[in-house]
Amino acid sequence: MAQSRTVALALGSGGARGYAHIGVIQVLEERGYSIVGVAGSSMGALIGGLYAAGKLDEFTEWATTLKARDVVRLLDVSMSAPGAIHAEKVLGRVREILGETCIEDMRIPFTAVATDLAAGRSVWFQHGPVDAAIRASIAIPGVITPLVLNGRVLVDGGILDPLPVAPTLSIRADLTIGVSLGADARENRTPARVGTEPRPVDEWVGRFKRGTAQFLDRETVKSVVSRFGGHSTGLGLEEVGLDEVSVDEVSLDEGVVDTGRDIAPKIGRLEIMGRSLEVVQSALARYQLAVYPPDILIQVPRKSARSLDFARATEMIAIGRVLTESALDAEDF
């Protein structure tokens, strides 16, 4: 049965837990599924983009060799910089693997989701250089410097869209599979088909706005927005193409407020920010699933790894494999 099935994948955000996406993809391919489209936020955009470009195996081989000391060196942590993590060394390696690939030239449809911080909107990148799209999608505010494109302050797609199922709706596939990286302990059970019907959009939008209002109205966000003369225009969606903007016009040194300046170093700024975002994203993912439920939802426990545990690729890939096998077996696929 699996031989004839096509799959659209929605890969969620969650830092190093995103290595589990690799295990998901491996099992699907081993069982004969044909992945015909991918959408991803943050780490999901990184893994999804590499897969769509046919470069995931090369990245996996590199990532599984990383030790803790390698990760520290590659992340290039600096508390005095606009973003606490430069990440240019990691991104440089990703660029080497991807080359000059454009999204529209890849073998399957791919969408990288980012967040326009000034407009308060999700942004879908469906054409243009894939490395720049990924760069925008993984820019955790205050942690990794945002991508600035002609006045747009683009940050982590997981802020507003931690599990981007919506971009996969236009893909003709037998199944849509969503992979969430923020499951609570009480949600850590055998993954299963999501059987609920989508709720009215008006109902979801109201809950979504209430759930995100406090986050988007914080002084950190207001400060960044004010630097670019912007203001919140409400929640929405906008599709843009990276080929509309010259790479030379991208500045990685502008538009970030040092969110940790008033936090005592001993508290652990990155840990606080990471966990705060995870709580918000987990709530948003539940709202989104009520509107756009995938056929199968695979839930990776939030406690399986911290967001910056990038030396645990092998372990997280194995977790992704186990959860995917359980999900498919539960549905007799």
C-alpha atoms as a PDB file:
ATOM      1  CA  MET A   1       0.000   0.000   0.000  1.00  0.00           C
ATOM      2  CA  ALA A   2       2.815   2.390   0.893  1.00  0.00           C
ATOM      3  CA  GLN A   3       4.250   2.086  -2.610  1.00  0.00           C
ATOM      4  CA  SER A   4       1.387   4.107  -4.125  1.00  0.00           C
ATOM      5  CA  ARG A   5       1.159   6.795  -1.440  1.00  0.00           C
ATOM      6  CA  THR A   6       2.390  10.347  -1.807  1.00  0.00           C
ATOM      7  CA  VAL A   7       3.097  12.581   1.182  1.00  0.00           C
ATOM      8  CA  ALA A   8       3.192  16.313   1.855  1.00  0.00           C
ATOM      9  CA  LEU A   9       5.350  17.099   4.884  1.00  0.00           C
ATOM     10  CA  ALA A  10       4.968  19.953   7.371  1.00  0.00           C
ATOM     11  CA  LEU A  11       8.112  20.190   9.487  1.00  0.00           C
ATOM     12  CA  GLY A  12       7.897  22.182  12.695  1.00  0.00           C
ATOM     13  CA  SER A  13      10.277  24.446  14.583  1.00  0.00           C
ATOM     14  CA  GLY A  14      12.187  23.411  17.679  1.00  0.00           C
ATOM     15  CA  GLY A  15      15.923  23.886  17.374  1.00  0.00           C
ATOM     16  CA  ALA A  16      18.071  20.770  17.717  1.00  0.00           C
ATOM     17  CA  ARG A  17      14.975  18.588  18.072  1.00  0.00           C
ATOM     18  CA  GLY A  18      14.582  19.260  14.359  1.00  0.00           C
ATOM     19  CA  TYR A  19      17.148  16.561  13.674  1.00  0.00           C
ATOM     20  CA  ALA A  20      14.195  14.234  14.277  1.00  0.00           C
ATOM     21  CA  HIS A  21      12.848  15.398  10.904  1.00  0.00           C
ATOM     22  CA  ILE A  22      15.703  13.497   9.284  1.00  0.00           C
ATOM     23  CA  GLY A  23      14.549  10.271  10.928  1.00  0.00           C
ATOM     24  CA  VAL A  24      10.988  10.927   9.784  1.00  0.00           C
ATOM     25  CA  ILE A  25      12.107  11.336   6.184  1.00  0.00           C
ATOM     26  CA  GLN A  26      14.326   8.268   6.324  1.00  0.00           C
ATOM     27  CA  VAL A  27      11.501   5.994   7.480  1.00  0.00           C
ATOM     28  CA  LEU A  28       9.034   7.369   4.937  1.00  0.00           C
ATOM     29  CA  GLU A  29      11.463   6.702   2.110  1.00  0.00           C
ATOM     30  CA  GLU A  30      12.347   3.242   3.429  1.00  0.00           C
ATOM     31  CA  ARG A  31       8.664   2.332   3.427  1.00  0.00           C
ATOM     32  CA  GLY A  32       8.199   3.462  -0.134  1.00  0.00           C
ATOM     33  CA  TYR A  33       6.411   6.747   0.346  1.00  0.00           C
ATOM     34  CA  SER A  34       6.999   9.500  -2.181  1.00  0.00           C
ATOM     35  CA  ILE A  35       7.442  12.922  -0.575  1.00  0.00           C
ATOM     36  CA  VAL A  36       6.000  15.381  -3.084  1.00  0.00           C
ATOM     37  CA  GLY A  37       6.186  18.632  -1.130  1.00  0.00           C
ATOM     38  CA  VAL A  38       7.662  20.114   2.049  1.00  0.00           C
ATOM     39  CA  ALA A  39       6.990  23.159   4.187  1.00  0.00           C
ATOM     40  CA  GLY A  40       9.080  24.060   7.204  1.00  0.00           C
ATOM     41  CA  SER A  41       9.601  26.624   9.931  1.00  0.00           C
ATOM     42  CA  SER A  42      13.011  27.277  11.470  1.00  0.00           C
ATOM     43  CA  MET A  43      14.851  23.951  11.805  1.00  0.00           C
ATOM     44  CA  GLY A  44      12.035  22.430   9.776  1.00  0.00           C
ATOM     45  CA  ALA A  45      12.885  24.839   6.957  1.00  0.00           C
ATOM     46  CA  LEU A  46      16.554  23.864   7.171  1.00  0.00           C
ATOM     47  CA  ILE A  47      15.909  20.123   6.995  1.00  0.00           C
ATOM     48  CA  GLY A  48      13.081  20.490   4.486  1.00  0.00           C
ATOM     49  CA  GLY A  49      15.113  22.738   2.223  1.00  0.00           C
ATOM     50  CA  LEU A  50      18.078  20.390   2.246  1.00  0.00           C
ATOM     51  CA  TYR A  51      15.799  17.464   1.430  1.00  0.00           C
ATOM     52  CA  ALA A  52      14.011  19.273  -1.397  1.00  0.00           C
ATOM     53  CA  ALA A  53      17.411  20.211  -2.840  1.00  0.00           C
ATOM     54  CA  GLY A  54      18.597  16.595  -2.691  1.00  0.00           C
ATOM     55  CA  LYS A  55      21.338  17.482  -0.188  1.00  0.00           C
ATOM     56  CA  LEU A  56      20.023  16.036   3.068  1.00  0.00           C
ATOM     57  CA  ASP A  57      22.328  12.999   3.130  1.00  0.00           C
ATOM     58  CA  GLU A  58      25.411  15.199   2.873  1.00  0.00           C
ATOM     59  CA  PHE A  59      24.181  17.418   5.709  1.00  0.00           C
ATOM     60  CA  THR A  60      23.292  14.410   7.868  1.00  0.00           C
ATOM     61  CA  GLU A  61      26.742  12.919   7.437  1.00  0.00           C
ATOM     62  CA  TRP A  62      28.264  16.201   8.632  1.00  0.00           C
ATOM     63  CA  ALA A  63      25.817  16.848  11.490  1.00  0.00           C
ATOM     64  CA  THR A  64      26.209  13.399  13.039  1.00  0.00           C
ATOM     65  CA  THR A  65      29.950  13.969  13.462  1.00  0.00           C
ATOM     66  CA  LEU A  66      29.534  17.155  15.530  1.00  0.00           C
ATOM     67  CA  LYS A  67      30.688  17.088  19.139  1.00  0.00           C
ATOM     68  CA  ALA A  68      29.759  19.594  21.838  1.00  0.00           C
ATOM     69  CA  ARG A  69      32.997  21.542  21.349  1.00  0.00           C
ATOM     70  CA  ASP A  70      32.347  21.709  17.601  1.00  0.00           C
ATOM     71  CA  VAL A  71      28.891  23.166  18.209  1.00  0.00           C
ATOM     72  CA  VAL A  72      30.263  25.865  20.530  1.00  0.00           C
ATOM     73  CA  ARG A  73      32.822  26.846  17.926  1.00  0.00           C
ATOM     74  CA  LEU A  74      30.326  26.828  15.058  1.00  0.00           C
ATOM     75  CA  LEU A  75      27.632  28.801  16.872  1.00  0.00           C
ATOM     76  CA  ASP A  76      30.169  31.499  17.810  1.00  0.00           C
ATOM     77  CA  VAL A  77      28.302  32.735  20.889  1.00  0.00           C
ATOM     78  CA  SER A  78      28.803  36.412  21.796  1.00  0.00           C
ATOM     79  CA  MET A  79      26.643  38.161  24.373  1.00  0.00           C
ATOM     80  CA  SER A  80      27.715  41.590  23.137  1.00  0.00           C
ATOM     81  CA  ALA A  81      26.652  41.087  19.523  1.00  0.00           C
ATOM     82  CA  PRO A  82      23.225  42.099  18.090  1.00  0.00           C
ATOM     83  CA  GLY A  83      22.322  38.420  18.169  1.00  0.00           C
ATOM     84  CA  ALA A  84      23.772  36.203  20.850  1.00  0.00           C
ATOM     85  CA  ILE A  85      24.737  33.664  18.177  1.00  0.00           C
ATOM     86  CA  HIS A  86      26.436  34.713  14.962  1.00  0.00           C
ATOM     87  CA  ALA A  87      25.854  31.254  13.391  1.00  0.00           C
ATOM     88  CA  GLU A  88      27.651  32.339  10.232  1.00  0.00           C
ATOM     89  CA  LYS A  89      29.992  29.364  10.401  1.00  0.00           C
ATOM     90  CA  VAL A  90      27.053  26.959  10.461  1.00  0.00           C
ATOM     91  CA  LEU A  91      25.255  28.869   7.746  1.00  0.00           C
ATOM     92  CA  GLY A  92      28.423  28.929   5.694  1.00  0.00           C
ATOM     93  CA  ARG A  93      28.579  25.144   5.802  1.00  0.00           C
ATOM     94  CA  VAL A  94      24.920  24.930   4.793  1.00  0.00           C
ATOM     95  CA  ARG A  95      25.614  27.246   1.851  1.00  0.00           C
ATOM     96  CA  GLU A  96      28.491  25.038   0.783  1.00  0.00           C
ATOM     97  CA  ILE A  97      26.171  22.038   0.753  1.00  0.00           C
ATOM     98  CA  LEU A  98      23.300  23.803  -1.027  1.00  0.00           C
ATOM     99  CA  GLY A  99      25.341  25.754  -3.532  1.00  0.00           C
ATOM    100  CA  GLU A 100      23.392  28.383  -5.492  1.00  0.00           C
ATOM    101  CA  THR A 101      20.128  26.457  -5.467  1.00  0.00           C
ATOM    102  CA  CYS A 102      16.886  28.374  -5.960  1.00  0.00           C
ATOM    103  CA  ILE A 103      13.604  27.155  -4.515  1.00  0.00           C
ATOM    104  CA  GLU A 104      11.807  27.168  -7.867  1.00  0.00           C
ATOM    105  CA  ASP A 105      14.466  24.882  -9.356  1.00  0.00           C
ATOM    106  CA  MET A 106      14.270  22.178  -6.683  1.00  0.00           C
ATOM    107  CA  ARG A 107      12.863  18.731  -7.411  1.00  0.00           C
ATOM    108  CA  ILE A 108       9.757  19.152  -5.241  1.00  0.00           C
ATOM    109  CA  PRO A 109       7.762  22.189  -4.021  1.00  0.00           C
ATOM    110  CA  PHE A 110       9.243  23.757  -0.896  1.00  0.00           C
ATOM    111  CA  THR A 111       8.071  26.569   1.365  1.00  0.00           C
ATOM    112  CA  ALA A 112      10.216  28.183   4.050  1.00  0.00           C
ATOM    113  CA  VAL A 113       8.201  30.136   6.598  1.00  0.00           C
ATOM    114  CA  ALA A 114       9.590  33.233   8.303  1.00  0.00           C
ATOM    115  CA  THR A 115       8.026  36.017  10.369  1.00  0.00           C
ATOM    116  CA  ASP A 116       7.956  39.670   9.347  1.00  0.00           C
ATOM    117  CA  LEU A 117       8.477  41.203  12.763  1.00  0.00           C
ATOM    118  CA  ALA A 118       7.335  44.724  11.830  1.00  0.00           C
ATOM    119  CA  ALA A 119       4.166  43.636  10.054  1.00  0.00           C
ATOM    120  CA  GLY A 120       3.339  40.804  12.445  1.00  0.00           C
ATOM    121  CA  ARG A 121       2.822  38.409   9.534  1.00  0.00           C
ATOM    122  CA  SER A 122       3.981  35.003   8.447  1.00  0.00           C
ATOM    123  CA  VAL A 123       5.951  35.114   5.197  1.00  0.00           C
ATOM    124  CA  TRP A 124       6.132  32.206   2.771  1.00  0.00           C
ATOM    125  CA  PHE A 125       9.258  31.900   0.638  1.00  0.00           C
ATOM    126  CA  GLN A 126       8.479  29.817  -2.436  1.00  0.00           C
ATOM    127  CA  HIS A 127      11.060  31.141  -4.879  1.00  0.00           C
ATOM    128  CA  GLY A 128      14.507  32.671  -4.704  1.00  0.00           C
ATOM    129  CA  PRO A 129      17.779  31.427  -3.110  1.00  0.00           C
ATOM    130  CA  VAL A 130      16.996  28.632  -0.694  1.00  0.00           C
ATOM    131  CA  ASP A 131      19.901  29.431   1.631  1.00  0.00           C
ATOM    132  CA  ALA A 132      18.592  32.966   2.208  1.00  0.00           C
ATOM    133  CA  ALA A 133      15.070  31.651   2.818  1.00  0.00           C
ATOM    134  CA  ILE A 134      16.418  29.245   5.414  1.00  0.00           C
ATOM    135  CA  ARG A 135      18.506  32.025   6.939  1.00  0.00           C
ATOM    136  CA  ALA A 136      15.381  34.111   7.504  1.00  0.00           C
ATOM    137  CA  SER A 137      13.386  31.197   8.888  1.00  0.00           C
ATOM    138  CA  ILE A 138      15.921  30.214  11.571  1.00  0.00           C
ATOM    139  CA  ALA A 139      16.620  33.704  12.967  1.00  0.00           C
ATOM    140  CA  ILE A 140      15.444  33.355  16.580  1.00  0.00           C
ATOM    141  CA  PRO A 141      14.905  36.925  17.876  1.00  0.00           C
ATOM    142  CA  GLY A 142      17.681  38.054  20.196  1.00  0.00           C
ATOM    143  CA  VAL A 143      19.548  34.800  19.613  1.00  0.00           C
ATOM    144  CA  ILE A 144      20.389  34.735  15.898  1.00  0.00           C
ATOM    145  CA  THR A 145      20.620  38.037  14.033  1.00  0.00           C
ATOM    146  CA  PRO A 146      17.524  38.592  11.859  1.00  0.00           C
ATOM    147  CA  LEU A 147      17.635  38.903   8.103  1.00  0.00           C
ATOM    148  CA  VAL A 148      16.841  42.437   6.913  1.00  0.00           C
ATOM    149  CA  LEU A 149      15.457  42.717   3.374  1.00  0.00           C
ATOM    150  CA  ASN A 150      14.508  46.210   2.190  1.00  0.00           C
ATOM    151  CA  GLY A 151      13.240  47.234   5.597  1.00  0.00           C
ATOM    152  CA  ARG A 152      11.639  43.883   6.417  1.00  0.00           C
ATOM    153  CA  VAL A 153      12.884  42.424   9.685  1.00  0.00           C
ATOM    154  CA  LEU A 154      12.594  38.679   9.079  1.00  0.00           C
ATOM    155  CA  VAL A 155      12.912  36.301  11.995  1.00  0.00           C
ATOM    156  CA  ASP A 156      12.162  32.724  12.998  1.00  0.00           C
ATOM    157  CA  GLY A 157       9.116  31.311  11.231  1.00  0.00           C
ATOM    158  CA  GLY A 158       8.177  29.371  14.344  1.00  0.00           C
ATOM    159  CA  ILE A 159       7.126  32.545  16.152  1.00  0.00           C
ATOM    160  CA  LEU A 160       3.794  32.651  14.315  1.00  0.00           C
ATOM    161  CA  ASP A 161       3.783  29.326  12.457  1.00  0.00           C
ATOM    162  CA  PRO A 162       5.531  26.591  14.457  1.00  0.00           C
ATOM    163  CA  LEU A 163       3.904  23.807  12.404  1.00  0.00           C
ATOM    164  CA  PRO A 164       3.279  25.068   8.846  1.00  0.00           C
ATOM    165  CA  VAL A 165       0.579  22.771   7.529  1.00  0.00           C
ATOM    166  CA  ALA A 166      -1.198  25.499   5.542  1.00  0.00           C
ATOM    167  CA  PRO A 167       1.493  25.796   2.818  1.00  0.00           C
ATOM    168  CA  THR A 168       1.073  22.082   2.038  1.00  0.00           C
ATOM    169  CA  LEU A 169      -2.651  22.367   1.263  1.00  0.00           C
ATOM    170  CA  SER A 170      -2.008  23.199  -2.392  1.00  0.00           C
ATOM    171  CA  ILE A 171       0.147  20.083  -2.849  1.00  0.00           C
ATOM    172  CA  ARG A 172      -1.632  17.074  -4.349  1.00  0.00           C
ATOM    173  CA  ALA A 173      -0.781  14.217  -2.006  1.00  0.00           C
ATOM    174  CA  ASP A 174      -2.456  11.160  -0.516  1.00  0.00           C
ATOM    175  CA  LEU A 175      -1.386  12.120   3.000  1.00  0.00           C
ATOM    176  CA  THR A 176      -0.296  15.189   4.872  1.00  0.00           C
ATOM    177  CA  ILE A 177       2.062  14.435   7.746  1.00  0.00           C
ATOM    178  CA  GLY A 178       2.902  17.052  10.354  1.00  0.00           C
ATOM    179  CA  VAL A 179       5.894  16.794  12.676  1.00  0.00           C
ATOM    180  CA  SER A 180       5.632  18.884  15.838  1.00  0.00           C
ATOM    181  CA  LEU A 181       8.741  19.403  17.959  1.00  0.00           C
ATOM    182  CA  GLY A 182       7.062  20.825  21.051  1.00  0.00           C
ATOM    183  CA  ALA A 183       4.962  18.044  22.531  1.00  0.00           C
ATOM    184  CA  ASP A 184       4.359  18.223  26.285  1.00  0.00           C
ATOM    185  CA  ALA A 185       4.865  15.122  28.397  1.00  0.00           C
ATOM    186  CA  ARG A 186       1.115  14.558  28.525  1.00  0.00           C
ATOM    187  CA  GLU A 187       1.027  14.609  24.720  1.00  0.00           C
ATOM    188  CA  ASN A 188       3.861  12.091  24.409  1.00  0.00           C
ATOM    189  CA  ARG A 189       1.871   9.112  23.311  1.00  0.00           C
ATOM    190  CA  THR A 190       1.613   7.050  20.146  1.00  0.00           C
ATOM    191  CA  PRO A 191       1.225   9.446  17.205  1.00  0.00           C
ATOM    192  CA  ALA A 192      -2.054   9.035  15.410  1.00  0.00           C
ATOM    193  CA  ARG A 193      -4.222  10.337  12.617  1.00  0.00           C
ATOM    194  CA  VAL A 194      -5.828  13.631  13.501  1.00  0.00           C
ATOM    195  CA  GLY A 195      -9.536  13.102  13.055  1.00  0.00           C
ATOM    196  CA  THR A 196     -11.004  16.511  13.889  1.00  0.00           C
ATOM    197  CA  GLU A 197     -12.520  18.699  11.203  1.00  0.00           C
ATOM    198  CA  PRO A 198     -11.071  22.178  10.717  1.00  0.00           C
ATOM    199  CA  ARG A 199     -12.715  24.776  12.920  1.00  0.00           C
ATOM    200  CA  PRO A 200     -14.087  28.032  11.495  1.00  0.00           C
ATOM    201  CA  VAL A 201     -11.248  30.380  10.693  1.00  0.00           C
ATOM    202  CA  ASP A 202     -12.848  33.268  12.577  1.00  0.00           C
ATOM    203  CA  GLU A 203     -12.852  31.223  15.758  1.00  0.00           C
ATOM    204  CA  TRP A 204      -9.229  30.246  15.323  1.00  0.00           C
ATOM    205  CA  VAL A 205      -8.066  33.776  14.493  1.00  0.00           C
ATOM    206  CA  GLY A 206      -9.632  35.094  17.675  1.00  0.00           C
ATOM    207  CA  ARG A 207      -7.891  32.473  19.787  1.00  0.00           C
ATOM    208  CA  PHE A 208      -4.656  32.985  17.879  1.00  0.00           C
ATOM    209  CA  LYS A 209      -4.626  36.731  18.471  1.00  0.00           C
ATOM    210  CA  ARG A 210      -5.353  36.307  22.141  1.00  0.00           C
ATOM    211  CA  GLY A 211      -2.625  33.691  22.443  1.00  0.00           C
ATOM    212  CA  THR A 212       0.033  35.824  20.756  1.00  0.00           C
ATOM    213  CA  ALA A 213      -0.921  39.335  21.792  1.00  0.00           C
ATOM    214  CA  GLN A 214       1.257  39.415  24.880  1.00  0.00           C
ATOM    215  CA  PHE A 215       4.279  38.109  22.999  1.00  0.00           C
ATOM    216  CA  LEU A 216       3.984  40.506  20.053  1.00  0.00           C
ATOM    217  CA  ASP A 217       3.342  43.512  22.308  1.00  0.00           C
ATOM    218  CA  ARG A 218       6.459  43.052  24.419  1.00  0.00           C
ATOM    219  CA  GLU A 219       8.893  45.940  24.565  1.00  0.00           C
ATOM    220  CA  THR A 220      11.593  43.965  22.724  1.00  0.00           C
ATOM    221  CA  VAL A 221       9.379  43.549  19.669  1.00  0.00           C
ATOM    222  CA  LYS A 222       8.175  47.151  19.830  1.00  0.00           C
ATOM    223  CA  SER A 223      11.765  48.392  19.951  1.00  0.00           C
ATOM    224  CA  VAL A 224      12.762  46.438  16.857  1.00  0.00           C
ATOM    225  CA  VAL A 225       9.669  47.530  14.969  1.00  0.00           C
ATOM    226  CA  SER A 226      10.165  51.205  15.875  1.00  0.00           C
ATOM    227  CA  ARG A 227      13.719  51.165  14.519  1.00  0.00           C
ATOM    228  CA  PHE A 228      12.306  50.450  11.075  1.00  0.00           C
ATOM    229  CA  GLY A 229       9.414  52.879  11.312  1.00  0.00           C
ATOM    230  CA  GLY A 230       6.926  50.076  11.289  1.00  0.00           C
ATOM    231  CA  HIS A 231       3.816  49.252  13.228  1.00  0.00           C
ATOM    232  CA  SER A 232       1.755  46.169  13.818  1.00  0.00           C
ATOM    233  CA  THR A 233      -0.851  45.612  11.121  1.00  0.00           C
ATOM    234  CA  GLY A 234      -2.445  42.577  12.633  1.00  0.00           C
ATOM    235  CA  LEU A 235      -1.960  38.926  11.882  1.00  0.00           C
ATOM    236  CA  GLY A 236      -1.894  37.778   8.318  1.00  0.00           C
ATOM    237  CA  LEU A 237       0.026  36.026   5.593  1.00  0.00           C
ATOM    238  CA  GLU A 238       2.161  37.358   2.811  1.00  0.00           C
ATOM    239  CA  GLU A 239       4.028  35.536   0.068  1.00  0.00           C
ATOM    240  CA  VAL A 240       7.299  37.110  -1.041  1.00  0.00           C
ATOM    241  CA  GLY A 241      10.133  36.038  -3.266  1.00  0.00           C
ATOM    242  CA  LEU A 242      13.757  36.366  -2.326  1.00  0.00           C
ATOM    243  CA  ASP A 243      14.669  36.947  -5.948  1.00  0.00           C
ATOM    244  CA  GLU A 244      12.992  40.344  -5.627  1.00  0.00           C
ATOM    245  CA  VAL A 245      15.837  41.487  -3.386  1.00  0.00           C
ATOM    246  CA  SER A 246      19.525  41.550  -4.191  1.00  0.00           C
ATOM    247  CA  VAL A 247      21.675  39.568  -1.800  1.00  0.00           C
ATOM    248  CA  ASP A 248      23.896  42.650  -1.581  1.00  0.00           C
ATOM    249  CA  GLU A 249      21.014  44.511   0.032  1.00  0.00           C
ATOM    250  CA  VAL A 250      20.795  42.059   2.910  1.00  0.00           C
ATOM    251  CA  SER A 251      22.294  43.380   6.133  1.00  0.00           C
ATOM    252  CA  LEU A 252      23.010  41.009   8.966  1.00  0.00           C
ATOM    253  CA  ASP A 253      24.171  43.783  11.289  1.00  0.00           C
ATOM    254  CA  GLU A 254      21.003  45.833  11.650  1.00  0.00           C
ATOM    255  CA  GLY A 255      17.715  45.721  13.421  1.00  0.00           C
ATOM    256  CA  VAL A 256      18.319  43.765  16.627  1.00  0.00           C
ATOM    257  CA  VAL A 257      17.853  44.894  20.194  1.00  0.00           C
ATOM    258  CA  ASP A 258      20.072  43.165  22.752  1.00  0.00           C
ATOM    259  CA  THR A 259      17.318  41.422  24.691  1.00  0.00           C
ATOM    260  CA  GLY A 260      19.680  40.096  27.331  1.00  0.00           C
ATOM    261  CA  ARG A 261      21.260  43.350  28.460  1.00  0.00           C
ATOM    262  CA  ASP A 262      19.118  43.590  31.586  1.00  0.00           C
ATOM    263  CA  ILE A 263      19.263  39.899  32.461  1.00  0.00           C
ATOM    264  CA  ALA A 264      21.912  38.654  34.861  1.00  0.00           C
ATOM    265  CA  PRO A 265      24.330  36.339  32.982  1.00  0.00           C
ATOM    266  CA  LYS A 266      24.003  33.634  35.601  1.00  0.00           C
ATOM    267  CA  ILE A 267      20.304  33.208  34.788  1.00  0.00           C
ATOM    268  CA  GLY A 268      21.134  31.874  31.350  1.00  0.00           C
ATOM    269  CA  ARG A 269      19.778  34.240  28.757  1.00  0.00           C
ATOM    270  CA  LEU A 270      19.649  31.781  25.863  1.00  0.00           C
ATOM    271  CA  GLU A 271      17.948  29.157  27.986  1.00  0.00           C
ATOM    272  CA  ILE A 272      15.302  31.625  29.166  1.00  0.00           C
ATOM    273  CA  MET A 273      14.595  32.906  25.671  1.00  0.00           C
ATOM    274  CA  GLY A 274      14.535  29.431  24.186  1.00  0.00           C
ATOM    275  CA  ARG A 275      12.099  28.056  26.719  1.00  0.00           C
ATOM    276  CA  SER A 276       9.867  31.124  26.522  1.00  0.00           C
ATOM    277  CA  LEU A 277       9.580  30.762  22.761  1.00  0.00           C
ATOM    278  CA  GLU A 278       8.885  27.054  23.081  1.00  0.00           C
ATOM    279  CA  VAL A 279       5.939  27.693  25.396  1.00  0.00           C
ATOM    280  CA  VAL A 280       4.437  30.221  22.982  1.00  0.00           C
ATOM    281  CA  GLN A 281       5.051  28.017  19.962  1.00  0.00           C
ATOM    282  CA  SER A 282       3.514  24.976  21.623  1.00  0.00           C
ATOM    283  CA  ALA A 283       0.315  26.933  22.263  1.00  0.00           C
ATOM    284  CA  LEU A 284       0.234  28.272  18.699  1.00  0.00           C
ATOM    285  CA  ALA A 285       0.759  24.819  17.232  1.00  0.00           C
ATOM    286  CA  ARG A 286      -2.327  23.539  19.050  1.00  0.00           C
ATOM    287  CA  TYR A 287      -4.406  26.375  17.618  1.00  0.00           C
ATOM    288  CA  GLN A 288      -3.096  25.770  14.113  1.00  0.00           C
ATOM    289  CA  LEU A 289      -3.806  22.062  14.283  1.00  0.00           C
ATOM    290  CA  ALA A 290      -7.438  22.835  15.052  1.00  0.00           C
ATOM    291  CA  VAL A 291      -7.705  24.665  11.726  1.00  0.00           C
ATOM    292  CA  TYR A 292      -5.368  22.633   9.523  1.00  0.00           C
ATOM    293  CA  PRO A 293      -5.156  19.102  10.968  1.00  0.00           C
ATOM    294  CA  PRO A 294      -2.712  16.838   9.114  1.00  0.00           C
ATOM    295  CA  ASP A 295      -3.716  13.269   8.356  1.00  0.00           C
ATOM    296  CA  ILE A 296      -0.975  12.054  10.677  1.00  0.00           C
ATOM    297  CA  LEU A 297       0.642  14.051  13.459  1.00  0.00           C
ATOM    298  CA  ILE A 298       4.025  12.992  14.815  1.00  0.00           C
ATOM    299  CA  GLN A 299       4.867  14.660  18.127  1.00  0.00           C
ATOM    300  CA  VAL A 300       8.470  14.900  19.291  1.00  0.00           C
ATOM    301  CA  PRO A 301       8.637  15.570  23.059  1.00  0.00           C
ATOM    302  CA  ARG A 302       9.921  18.996  24.000  1.00  0.00           C
ATOM    303  CA  LYS A 303      12.105  17.429  26.691  1.00  0.00           C
ATOM    304  CA  SER A 304      13.880  15.125  24.253  1.00  0.00           C
ATOM    305  CA  ALA A 305      16.528  17.809  23.659  1.00  0.00           C
ATOM    306  CA  ARG A 306      17.151  21.465  24.351  1.00  0.00           C
ATOM    307  CA  SER A 307      16.966  23.866  21.455  1.00  0.00           C
ATOM    308  CA  LEU A 308      20.759  24.282  21.238  1.00  0.00           C
ATOM    309  CA  ASP A 309      21.721  20.617  21.732  1.00  0.00           C
ATOM    310  CA  PHE A 310      23.097  20.396  18.203  1.00  0.00           C
ATOM    311  CA  ALA A 311      25.617  17.720  19.137  1.00  0.00           C
ATOM    312  CA  ARG A 312      22.781  15.169  19.530  1.00  0.00           C
ATOM    313  CA  ALA A 313      21.948  14.581  15.882  1.00  0.00           C
ATOM    314  CA  THR A 314      22.271  10.790  16.001  1.00  0.00           C
ATOM    315  CA  GLU A 315      20.028  10.517  19.050  1.00  0.00           C
ATOM    316  CA  MET A 316      17.321  12.813  17.668  1.00  0.00           C
ATOM    317  CA  ILE A 317      17.334  11.096  14.278  1.00  0.00           C
ATOM    318  CA  ALA A 318      16.712   7.801  16.079  1.00  0.00           C
ATOM    319  CA  ILE A 319      13.812   9.331  18.022  1.00  0.00           C
ATOM    320  CA  GLY A 320      12.305  10.597  14.782  1.00  0.00           C
ATOM    321  CA  ARG A 321      12.575   7.143  13.259  1.00  0.00           C
ATOM    322  CA  VAL A 322      10.886   5.418  16.209  1.00  0.00           C
ATOM    323  CA  LEU A 323       8.026   7.916  16.359  1.00  0.00           C
ATOM    324  CA  THR A 324       7.422   7.687  12.615  1.00  0.00           C
ATOM    325  CA  GLU A 325       7.389   3.897  12.630  1.00  0.00           C
ATOM    326  CA  SER A 326       4.894   3.963  15.491  1.00  0.00           C
ATOM    327  CA  ALA A 327       2.688   6.466  13.669  1.00  0.00           C
ATOM    328  CA  LEU A 328       2.626   4.465  10.440  1.00  0.00           C
ATOM    329  CA  ASP A 329       2.112   1.161  12.215  1.00  0.00           C
ATOM    330  CA  ALA A 330      -0.781   2.620  14.209  1.00  0.00           C
ATOM    331  CA  GLU A 331      -2.518   3.463  10.937  1.00  0.00           C
ATOM    332  CA  ASP A 332      -1.463   0.175   9.294  1.00  0.00           C
ATOM    333  CA  PHE A 333       0.511   2.042   6.636  1.00  0.00           C
END
